[in-house]
Amino acid sequence: EVDAAIKLAMETNDRPVVIDFIVGRDAMVWPMVPAGVSNDAVQYARDAAPIWDGEE
């Protein structure tokens, strides 16, 4: 089911696509944005965030 949804989304090029995945409450799904902060605070692993262009 997941593979088919991703395949269809990747093949769709005439409109935006959103896939709604249901995961367990305690699942550590990456990347994530911690609660209460802006999307600029995205983390790709525990305590690790990407370095954006222009940041040192």
C-alpha atoms as a PDB file:
ATOM      1  CA  GLU A   1       0.000   0.000   0.000  1.00  0.00           C
ATOM      2  CA  VAL A   2       2.803   2.445   0.880  1.00  0.00           C
ATOM      3  CA  ASP A   3       4.879   1.625  -2.203  1.00  0.00           C
ATOM      4  CA  ALA A   4       1.869   2.079  -4.494  1.00  0.00           C
ATOM      5  CA  ALA A   5       1.013   5.449  -2.915  1.00  0.00           C
ATOM      6  CA  ILE A   6       4.590   6.710  -3.301  1.00  0.00           C
ATOM      7  CA  LYS A   7       4.760   5.463  -6.898  1.00  0.00           C
ATOM      8  CA  LEU A   8       1.514   7.245  -7.784  1.00  0.00           C
ATOM      9  CA  ALA A   9       2.702  10.451  -6.095  1.00  0.00           C
ATOM     10  CA  MET A  10       6.021  10.356  -7.961  1.00  0.00           C
ATOM     11  CA  GLU A  11       4.194   9.857 -11.280  1.00  0.00           C
ATOM     12  CA  THR A  12       1.806  12.771 -10.671  1.00  0.00           C
ATOM     13  CA  ASN A  13       3.225  15.930 -12.211  1.00  0.00           C
ATOM     14  CA  ASP A  14       0.163  18.064 -12.916  1.00  0.00           C
ATOM     15  CA  ARG A  15      -0.806  18.930  -9.332  1.00  0.00           C
ATOM     16  CA  PRO A  16       0.519  18.886  -5.762  1.00  0.00           C
ATOM     17  CA  VAL A  17       0.329  15.559  -3.936  1.00  0.00           C
ATOM     18  CA  VAL A  18      -0.030  14.868  -0.215  1.00  0.00           C
ATOM     19  CA  ILE A  19       0.317  11.389   1.245  1.00  0.00           C
ATOM     20  CA  ASP A  20      -1.123  10.917   4.726  1.00  0.00           C
ATOM     21  CA  PHE A  21       0.783   8.188   6.579  1.00  0.00           C
ATOM     22  CA  ILE A  22      -0.564   6.871   9.853  1.00  0.00           C
ATOM     23  CA  VAL A  23       2.256   5.913  12.219  1.00  0.00           C
ATOM     24  CA  GLY A  24       2.419   4.891  15.840  1.00  0.00           C
ATOM     25  CA  ARG A  25       2.303   7.676  18.416  1.00  0.00           C
ATOM     26  CA  ASP A  26       5.843   6.918  19.613  1.00  0.00           C
ATOM     27  CA  ALA A  27       7.348   6.324  16.167  1.00  0.00           C
ATOM     28  CA  MET A  28      10.467   8.358  15.535  1.00  0.00           C
ATOM     29  CA  VAL A  29       9.797   9.500  11.980  1.00  0.00           C
ATOM     30  CA  TRP A  30      12.492  11.666  10.394  1.00  0.00           C
ATOM     31  CA  PRO A  31      12.699  14.415   9.316  1.00  0.00           C
ATOM     32  CA  MET A  32      10.562  16.090  11.934  1.00  0.00           C
ATOM     33  CA  VAL A  33       9.855  19.535  13.333  1.00  0.00           C
ATOM     34  CA  PRO A  34       9.616  19.651  17.136  1.00  0.00           C
ATOM     35  CA  ALA A  35       6.362  20.941  18.605  1.00  0.00           C
ATOM     36  CA  GLY A  36       6.121  24.682  19.151  1.00  0.00           C
ATOM     37  CA  VAL A  37       8.916  25.798  16.800  1.00  0.00           C
ATOM     38  CA  SER A  38       9.081  27.025  13.213  1.00  0.00           C
ATOM     39  CA  ASN A  39       9.691  24.740  10.241  1.00  0.00           C
ATOM     40  CA  ASP A  40      13.197  26.240  10.120  1.00  0.00           C
ATOM     41  CA  ALA A  41      14.005  24.018  13.125  1.00  0.00           C
ATOM     42  CA  VAL A  42      13.606  20.759  11.152  1.00  0.00           C
ATOM     43  CA  GLN A  43      15.715  17.860  12.431  1.00  0.00           C
ATOM     44  CA  TYR A  44      16.822  14.927  10.287  1.00  0.00           C
ATOM     45  CA  ALA A  45      17.965  12.804  13.245  1.00  0.00           C
ATOM     46  CA  ARG A  46      17.891  13.181  17.021  1.00  0.00           C
ATOM     47  CA  ASP A  47      19.662  16.449  17.927  1.00  0.00           C
ATOM     48  CA  ALA A  48      20.838  16.917  14.322  1.00  0.00           C
ATOM     49  CA  ALA A  49      19.634  19.622  11.968  1.00  0.00           C
ATOM     50  CA  PRO A  50      20.708  20.472   8.412  1.00  0.00           C
ATOM     51  CA  ILE A  51      23.020  23.388   7.755  1.00  0.00           C
ATOM     52  CA  TRP A  52      21.200  25.770   5.430  1.00  0.00           C
ATOM     53  CA  ASP A  53      22.912  27.869   2.770  1.00  0.00           C
ATOM     54  CA  GLY A  54      24.444  30.933   4.377  1.00  0.00           C
ATOM     55  CA  GLU A  55      24.782  29.356   7.839  1.00  0.00           C
ATOM     56  CA  GLU A  56      28.125  28.515   9.374  1.00  0.00           C
END
